[in-house]
Amino acid sequence: MSAKIGVMRSLGQAVGIVVNAIRTPVPRDKVVEVSRTSQSERRDDVTLRRTVIDEIIWKESAQQGAGSSDSHSSQTA
């Protein structure tokens, strides 16, 4: 027969899980901005603006050497 788990123990476990989740670091991707271009056009009282940002993004697993960094290298166009 198993012992009944009390409310305080359950509360302590829940708090422990939340604290552990807060302290665990989150892996971040490395992002490098390559170029940024902006185009603006004025039409009457409206301004149209287009901004294009080219970036390179390295996934965390690719930085650790786990497999190929280019997932499309085996595909041909």
PDB file of N, CA and C in Angstrom:
ATOM      1  N   MET A   1       0.838  -1.172   0.000  1.00  0.00           N
ATOM      2  CA  MET A   1       0.000   0.000   0.000  1.00  0.00           C
ATOM      3  C   MET A   1       0.888   1.243   0.000  1.00  0.00           C
ATOM      4  N   SER A   2       0.664   2.143  -0.934  1.00  0.00           N
ATOM      5  CA  SER A   2       1.495   3.335  -1.038  1.00  0.00           C
ATOM      6  C   SER A   2       0.974   4.425  -0.106  1.00  0.00           C
ATOM      7  N   ALA A   3       1.918   5.218   0.373  1.00  0.00           N
ATOM      8  CA  ALA A   3       1.544   6.305   1.270  1.00  0.00           C
ATOM      9  C   ALA A   3       0.918   7.435   0.464  1.00  0.00           C
ATOM     10  N   LYS A   4      -0.051   8.117   1.057  1.00  0.00           N
ATOM     11  CA  LYS A   4      -0.719   9.227   0.404  1.00  0.00           C
ATOM     12  C   LYS A   4       0.226  10.431   0.383  1.00  0.00           C
ATOM     13  N   ILE A   5       0.375  11.043  -0.806  1.00  0.00           N
ATOM     14  CA  ILE A   5       1.256  12.206  -0.950  1.00  0.00           C
ATOM     15  C   ILE A   5       0.492  13.439  -0.484  1.00  0.00           C
ATOM     16  N   GLY A   6       1.113  14.220   0.398  1.00  0.00           N
ATOM     17  CA  GLY A   6       0.463  15.389   0.961  1.00  0.00           C
ATOM     18  C   GLY A   6       0.456  16.580   0.018  1.00  0.00           C
ATOM     19  N   VAL A   7      -0.354  17.548   0.375  1.00  0.00           N
ATOM     20  CA  VAL A   7      -0.491  18.766  -0.428  1.00  0.00           C
ATOM     21  C   VAL A   7       0.816  19.552  -0.425  1.00  0.00           C
ATOM     22  N   MET A   8       1.480  19.642   0.711  1.00  0.00           N
ATOM     23  CA  MET A   8       2.715  20.415   0.792  1.00  0.00           C
ATOM     24  C   MET A   8       3.814  19.790  -0.063  1.00  0.00           C
ATOM     25  N   ARG A   9       3.862  18.473  -0.119  1.00  0.00           N
ATOM     26  CA  ARG A   9       4.871  17.820  -0.951  1.00  0.00           C
ATOM     27  C   ARG A   9       4.586  18.098  -2.430  1.00  0.00           C
ATOM     28  N   SER A  10       3.335  18.017  -2.829  1.00  0.00           N
ATOM     29  CA  SER A  10       2.966  18.302  -4.215  1.00  0.00           C
ATOM     30  C   SER A  10       3.283  19.744  -4.577  1.00  0.00           C
ATOM     31  N   LEU A  11       3.006  20.653  -3.657  1.00  0.00           N
ATOM     32  CA  LEU A  11       3.322  22.061  -3.884  1.00  0.00           C
ATOM     33  C   LEU A  11       4.827  22.262  -4.012  1.00  0.00           C
ATOM     34  N   GLY A  12       5.602  21.595  -3.178  1.00  0.00           N
ATOM     35  CA  GLY A  12       7.061  21.690  -3.251  1.00  0.00           C
ATOM     36  C   GLY A  12       7.598  21.152  -4.562  1.00  0.00           C
ATOM     37  N   GLN A  13       7.032  20.048  -5.041  1.00  0.00           N
ATOM     38  CA  GLN A  13       7.454  19.505  -6.325  1.00  0.00           C
ATOM     39  C   GLN A  13       7.145  20.477  -7.456  1.00  0.00           C
ATOM     40  N   ALA A  14       5.958  21.080  -7.436  1.00  0.00           N
ATOM     41  CA  ALA A  14       5.574  22.027  -8.484  1.00  0.00           C
ATOM     42  C   ALA A  14       6.497  23.236  -8.490  1.00  0.00           C
ATOM     43  N   VAL A  15       6.804  23.771  -7.312  1.00  0.00           N
ATOM     44  CA  VAL A  15       7.713  24.914  -7.216  1.00  0.00           C
ATOM     45  C   VAL A  15       9.100  24.515  -7.694  1.00  0.00           C
ATOM     46  N   GLY A  16       9.551  23.332  -7.339  1.00  0.00           N
ATOM     47  CA  GLY A  16      10.859  22.854  -7.779  1.00  0.00           C
ATOM     48  C   GLY A  16      10.959  22.729  -9.288  1.00  0.00           C
ATOM     49  N   ILE A  17       9.904  22.254  -9.920  1.00  0.00           N
ATOM     50  CA  ILE A  17       9.895  22.129 -11.379  1.00  0.00           C
ATOM     51  C   ILE A  17       9.972  23.497 -12.038  1.00  0.00           C
ATOM     52  N   VAL A  18       9.226  24.465 -11.518  1.00  0.00           N
ATOM     53  CA  VAL A  18       9.242  25.812 -12.084  1.00  0.00           C
ATOM     54  C   VAL A  18      10.607  26.466 -11.897  1.00  0.00           C
ATOM     55  N   VAL A  19      11.190  26.338 -10.717  1.00  0.00           N
ATOM     56  CA  VAL A  19      12.507  26.927 -10.451  1.00  0.00           C
ATOM     57  C   VAL A  19      13.555  26.294 -11.358  1.00  0.00           C
ATOM     58  N   ASN A  20      13.495  24.974 -11.537  1.00  0.00           N
ATOM     59  CA  ASN A  20      14.439  24.292 -12.407  1.00  0.00           C
ATOM     60  C   ASN A  20      14.293  24.770 -13.851  1.00  0.00           C
ATOM     61  N   ALA A  21      13.063  24.976 -14.315  1.00  0.00           N
ATOM     62  CA  ALA A  21      12.833  25.467 -15.675  1.00  0.00           C
ATOM     63  C   ALA A  21      13.370  26.880 -15.856  1.00  0.00           C
ATOM     64  N   ILE A  22      13.265  27.707 -14.842  1.00  0.00           N
ATOM     65  CA  ILE A  22      13.767  29.087 -14.931  1.00  0.00           C
ATOM     66  C   ILE A  22      15.292  29.109 -14.977  1.00  0.00           C
ATOM     67  N   ARG A  23      15.942  28.239 -14.239  1.00  0.00           N
ATOM     68  CA  ARG A  23      17.406  28.233 -14.163  1.00  0.00           C
ATOM     69  C   ARG A  23      18.068  27.542 -15.352  1.00  0.00           C
ATOM     70  N   THR A  24      17.358  26.722 -16.087  1.00  0.00           N
ATOM     71  CA  THR A  24      17.936  25.989 -17.213  1.00  0.00           C
ATOM     72  C   THR A  24      18.162  26.938 -18.384  1.00  0.00           C
ATOM     73  N   PRO A  25      19.403  27.008 -18.907  1.00  0.00           N
ATOM     74  CA  PRO A  25      19.662  27.907 -20.034  1.00  0.00           C
ATOM     75  C   PRO A  25      19.003  27.395 -21.314  1.00  0.00           C
ATOM     76  N   VAL A  26      18.548  28.329 -22.138  1.00  0.00           N
ATOM     77  CA  VAL A  26      17.898  27.999 -23.400  1.00  0.00           C
ATOM     78  C   VAL A  26      18.930  28.159 -24.510  1.00  0.00           C
ATOM     79  N   PRO A  27      19.120  27.124 -25.360  1.00  0.00           N
ATOM     80  CA  PRO A  27      20.077  27.279 -26.455  1.00  0.00           C
ATOM     81  C   PRO A  27      19.594  28.324 -27.457  1.00  0.00           C
ATOM     82  N   ARG A  28      20.483  29.192 -27.866  1.00  0.00           N
ATOM     83  CA  ARG A  28      20.146  30.270 -28.791  1.00  0.00           C
ATOM     84  C   ARG A  28      20.847  30.028 -30.128  1.00  0.00           C
ATOM     85  N   ASP A  29      20.183  30.412 -31.205  1.00  0.00           N
ATOM     86  CA  ASP A  29      20.780  30.334 -32.522  1.00  0.00           C
ATOM     87  C   ASP A  29      21.674  31.549 -32.726  1.00  0.00           C
ATOM     88  N   LYS A  30      22.746  31.358 -33.500  1.00  0.00           N
ATOM     89  CA  LYS A  30      23.641  32.467 -33.811  1.00  0.00           C
ATOM     90  C   LYS A  30      23.133  33.131 -35.091  1.00  0.00           C
ATOM     91  N   VAL A  31      22.820  34.428 -35.020  1.00  0.00           N
ATOM     92  CA  VAL A  31      22.266  35.171 -36.154  1.00  0.00           C
ATOM     93  C   VAL A  31      23.240  36.281 -36.534  1.00  0.00           C
ATOM     94  N   VAL A  32      23.609  36.331 -37.821  1.00  0.00           N
ATOM     95  CA  VAL A  32      24.488  37.371 -38.334  1.00  0.00           C
ATOM     96  C   VAL A  32      23.754  38.074 -39.468  1.00  0.00           C
ATOM     97  N   GLU A  33      23.608  39.385 -39.341  1.00  0.00           N
ATOM     98  CA  GLU A  33      22.954  40.163 -40.388  1.00  0.00           C
ATOM     99  C   GLU A  33      23.969  40.459 -41.485  1.00  0.00           C
ATOM    100  N   VAL A  34      23.626  40.089 -42.724  1.00  0.00           N
ATOM    101  CA  VAL A  34      24.526  40.263 -43.855  1.00  0.00           C
ATOM    102  C   VAL A  34      24.295  41.609 -44.523  1.00  0.00           C
ATOM    103  N   SER A  35      23.037  41.926 -44.816  1.00  0.00           N
ATOM    104  CA  SER A  35      22.748  43.213 -45.440  1.00  0.00           C
ATOM    105  C   SER A  35      21.333  43.644 -45.105  1.00  0.00           C
ATOM    106  N   ARG A  36      21.104  44.947 -45.249  1.00  0.00           N
ATOM    107  CA  ARG A  36      19.776  45.515 -45.008  1.00  0.00           C
ATOM    108  C   ARG A  36      19.552  46.598 -46.057  1.00  0.00           C
ATOM    109  N   THR A  37      18.462  46.454 -46.801  1.00  0.00           N
ATOM    110  CA  THR A  37      18.122  47.450 -47.809  1.00  0.00           C
ATOM    111  C   THR A  37      16.723  47.977 -47.535  1.00  0.00           C
ATOM    112  N   SER A  38      16.528  49.250 -47.815  1.00  0.00           N
ATOM    113  CA  SER A  38      15.236  49.878 -47.575  1.00  0.00           C
ATOM    114  C   SER A  38      14.841  50.703 -48.786  1.00  0.00           C
ATOM    115  N   GLN A  39      13.574  50.574 -49.181  1.00  0.00           N
ATOM    116  CA  GLN A  39      13.035  51.345 -50.295  1.00  0.00           C
ATOM    117  C   GLN A  39      11.795  52.068 -49.809  1.00  0.00           C
ATOM    118  N   SER A  40      11.672  53.337 -50.159  1.00  0.00           N
ATOM    119  CA  SER A  40      10.499  54.121 -49.789  1.00  0.00           C
ATOM    120  C   SER A  40       9.896  54.752 -51.025  1.00  0.00           C
ATOM    121  N   GLU A  41       8.587  54.814 -51.033  1.00  0.00           N
ATOM    122  CA  GLU A  41       7.876  55.443 -52.146  1.00  0.00           C
ATOM    123  C   GLU A  41       6.709  56.222 -51.572  1.00  0.00           C
ATOM    124  N   ARG A  42       6.559  57.446 -52.026  1.00  0.00           N
ATOM    125  CA  ARG A  42       5.485  58.319 -51.531  1.00  0.00           C
ATOM    126  C   ARG A  42       4.384  58.397 -52.582  1.00  0.00           C
ATOM    127  N   ARG A  43       3.149  58.037 -52.178  1.00  0.00           N
ATOM    128  CA  ARG A  43       1.973  58.140 -53.054  1.00  0.00           C
ATOM    129  C   ARG A  43       0.924  58.978 -52.338  1.00  0.00           C
ATOM    130  N   ASP A  44       0.733  60.167 -52.828  1.00  0.00           N
ATOM    131  CA  ASP A  44      -0.196  61.131 -52.218  1.00  0.00           C
ATOM    132  C   ASP A  44       0.146  61.317 -50.744  1.00  0.00           C
ATOM    133  N   ASP A  45      -0.729  60.930 -49.846  1.00  0.00           N
ATOM    134  CA  ASP A  45      -0.462  61.107 -48.415  1.00  0.00           C
ATOM    135  C   ASP A  45      -0.069  59.794 -47.740  1.00  0.00           C
ATOM    136  N   VAL A  46       0.357  58.793 -48.541  1.00  0.00           N
ATOM    137  CA  VAL A  46       0.743  57.486 -48.009  1.00  0.00           C
ATOM    138  C   VAL A  46       2.202  57.214 -48.387  1.00  0.00           C
ATOM    139  N   THR A  47       2.979  56.742 -47.430  1.00  0.00           N
ATOM    140  CA  THR A  47       4.358  56.350 -47.691  1.00  0.00           C
ATOM    141  C   THR A  47       4.442  54.832 -47.652  1.00  0.00           C
ATOM    142  N   LEU A  48       4.932  54.234 -48.736  1.00  0.00           N
ATOM    143  CA  LEU A  48       5.148  52.788 -48.796  1.00  0.00           C
ATOM    144  C   LEU A  48       6.627  52.531 -48.547  1.00  0.00           C
ATOM    145  N   ARG A  49       6.926  51.652 -47.620  1.00  0.00           N
ATOM    146  CA  ARG A  49       8.314  51.371 -47.274  1.00  0.00           C
ATOM    147  C   ARG A  49       8.529  49.861 -47.258  1.00  0.00           C
ATOM    148  N   ARG A  50       9.588  49.411 -47.915  1.00  0.00           N
ATOM    149  CA  ARG A  50       9.950  47.996 -47.920  1.00  0.00           C
ATOM    150  C   ARG A  50      11.363  47.866 -47.376  1.00  0.00           C
ATOM    151  N   THR A  51      11.535  47.010 -46.378  1.00  0.00           N
ATOM    152  CA  THR A  51      12.843  46.745 -45.796  1.00  0.00           C
ATOM    153  C   THR A  51      13.147  45.265 -45.943  1.00  0.00           C
ATOM    154  N   VAL A  52      14.301  44.951 -46.516  1.00  0.00           N
ATOM    155  CA  VAL A  52      14.726  43.567 -46.703  1.00  0.00           C
ATOM    156  C   VAL A  52      15.973  43.354 -45.861  1.00  0.00           C
ATOM    157  N   ILE A  53      15.931  42.325 -45.002  1.00  0.00           N
ATOM    158  CA  ILE A  53      17.058  42.003 -44.135  1.00  0.00           C
ATOM    159  C   ILE A  53      17.543  40.601 -44.497  1.00  0.00           C
ATOM    160  N   ASP A  54      18.804  40.488 -44.921  1.00  0.00           N
ATOM    161  CA  ASP A  54      19.416  39.202 -45.213  1.00  0.00           C
ATOM    162  C   ASP A  54      20.224  38.770 -43.996  1.00  0.00           C
ATOM    163  N   GLU A  55      19.940  37.556 -43.505  1.00  0.00           N
ATOM    164  CA  GLU A  55      20.618  37.045 -42.311  1.00  0.00           C
ATOM    165  C   GLU A  55      21.117  35.627 -42.553  1.00  0.00           C
ATOM    166  N   ILE A  56      22.136  35.265 -41.801  1.00  0.00           N
ATOM    167  CA  ILE A  56      22.618  33.888 -41.743  1.00  0.00           C
ATOM    168  C   ILE A  56      22.324  33.392 -40.339  1.00  0.00           C
ATOM    169  N   ILE A  57      21.677  32.219 -40.228  1.00  0.00           N
ATOM    170  CA  ILE A  57      21.308  31.664 -38.934  1.00  0.00           C
ATOM    171  C   ILE A  57      21.950  30.296 -38.787  1.00  0.00           C
ATOM    172  N   TRP A  58      22.768  30.137 -37.743  1.00  0.00           N
ATOM    173  CA  TRP A  58      23.351  28.848 -37.410  1.00  0.00           C
ATOM    174  C   TRP A  58      22.570  28.258 -36.260  1.00  0.00           C
ATOM    175  N   LYS A  59      22.058  27.050 -36.439  1.00  0.00           N
ATOM    176  CA  LYS A  59      21.340  26.354 -35.374  1.00  0.00           C
ATOM    177  C   LYS A  59      22.349  25.872 -34.340  1.00  0.00           C
ATOM    178  N   GLU A  60      21.903  25.749 -33.093  1.00  0.00           N
ATOM    179  CA  GLU A  60      22.774  25.329 -31.990  1.00  0.00           C
ATOM    180  C   GLU A  60      23.348  23.938 -32.249  1.00  0.00           C
ATOM    181  N   SER A  61      22.556  23.003 -32.783  1.00  0.00           N
ATOM    182  CA  SER A  61      23.035  21.646 -33.024  1.00  0.00           C
ATOM    183  C   SER A  61      24.106  21.625 -34.111  1.00  0.00           C
ATOM    184  N   ALA A  62      24.028  22.530 -35.081  1.00  0.00           N
ATOM    185  CA  ALA A  62      25.032  22.594 -36.134  1.00  0.00           C
ATOM    186  C   ALA A  62      26.361  23.102 -35.587  1.00  0.00           C
ATOM    187  N   GLN A  63      26.326  23.979 -34.584  1.00  0.00           N
ATOM    188  CA  GLN A  63      27.549  24.500 -33.988  1.00  0.00           C
ATOM    189  C   GLN A  63      28.280  23.422 -33.200  1.00  0.00           C
ATOM    190  N   GLN A  64      27.552  22.433 -32.691  1.00  0.00           N
ATOM    191  CA  GLN A  64      28.165  21.374 -31.904  1.00  0.00           C
ATOM    192  C   GLN A  64      28.697  20.250 -32.783  1.00  0.00           C
ATOM    193  N   GLY A  65      28.518  20.375 -34.108  1.00  0.00           N
ATOM    194  CA  GLY A  65      29.051  19.376 -35.012  1.00  0.00           C
ATOM    195  C   GLY A  65      28.156  18.160 -35.168  1.00  0.00           C
ATOM    196  N   ALA A  66      26.898  18.261 -34.841  1.00  0.00           N
ATOM    197  CA  ALA A  66      25.976  17.138 -34.957  1.00  0.00           C
ATOM    198  C   ALA A  66      25.346  17.154 -36.338  1.00  0.00           C
ATOM    199  N   GLY A  67      26.033  16.579 -37.326  1.00  0.00           N
ATOM    200  CA  GLY A  67      25.472  16.492 -38.662  1.00  0.00           C
ATOM    201  C   GLY A  67      25.845  17.675 -39.528  1.00  0.00           C
ATOM    202  N   SER A  68      25.252  17.701 -40.705  1.00  0.00           N
ATOM    203  CA  SER A  68      25.527  18.745 -41.689  1.00  0.00           C
ATOM    204  C   SER A  68      24.813  20.027 -41.307  1.00  0.00           C
ATOM    205  N   SER A  69      25.460  21.158 -41.532  1.00  0.00           N
ATOM    206  CA  SER A  69      24.830  22.441 -41.224  1.00  0.00           C
ATOM    207  C   SER A  69      23.881  22.872 -42.321  1.00  0.00           C
ATOM    208  N   ASP A  70      23.940  22.251 -43.510  1.00  0.00           N
ATOM    209  CA  ASP A  70      23.062  22.595 -44.624  1.00  0.00           C
ATOM    210  C   ASP A  70      22.113  21.438 -44.852  1.00  0.00           C
ATOM    211  N   SER A  71      20.855  21.609 -44.485  1.00  0.00           N
ATOM    212  CA  SER A  71      19.883  20.515 -44.596  1.00  0.00           C
ATOM    213  C   SER A  71      19.456  20.291 -46.039  1.00  0.00           C
ATOM    214  N   HIS A  72      19.750  21.232 -46.947  1.00  0.00           N
ATOM    215  CA  HIS A  72      19.335  21.099 -48.337  1.00  0.00           C
ATOM    216  C   HIS A  72      20.498  20.697 -49.249  1.00  0.00           C
ATOM    217  N   SER A  73      21.614  20.277 -48.706  1.00  0.00           N
ATOM    218  CA  SER A  73      22.776  20.001 -49.522  1.00  0.00           C
ATOM    219  C   SER A  73      22.590  18.774 -50.404  1.00  0.00           C
ATOM    220  N   SER A  74      21.731  17.842 -50.030  1.00  0.00           N
ATOM    221  CA  SER A  74      21.540  16.634 -50.827  1.00  0.00           C
ATOM    222  C   SER A  74      20.470  16.793 -51.885  1.00  0.00           C
ATOM    223  N   GLN A  75      19.747  17.908 -51.874  1.00  0.00           N
ATOM    224  CA  GLN A  75      18.677  18.132 -52.837  1.00  0.00           C
ATOM    225  C   GLN A  75      19.207  18.967 -53.992  1.00  0.00           C
ATOM    226  N   THR A  76      18.711  18.650 -55.191  1.00  0.00           N
ATOM    227  CA  THR A  76      19.104  19.434 -56.361  1.00  0.00           C
ATOM    228  C   THR A  76      17.894  20.169 -56.898  1.00  0.00           C
ATOM    229  N   ALA A  77      18.118  21.349 -57.434  1.00  0.00           N
ATOM    230  CA  ALA A  77      17.000  22.155 -57.938  1.00  0.00           C
ATOM    231  C   ALA A  77      16.681  21.815 -59.367  1.00  0.00           C
TER     232      ALA A  77
END
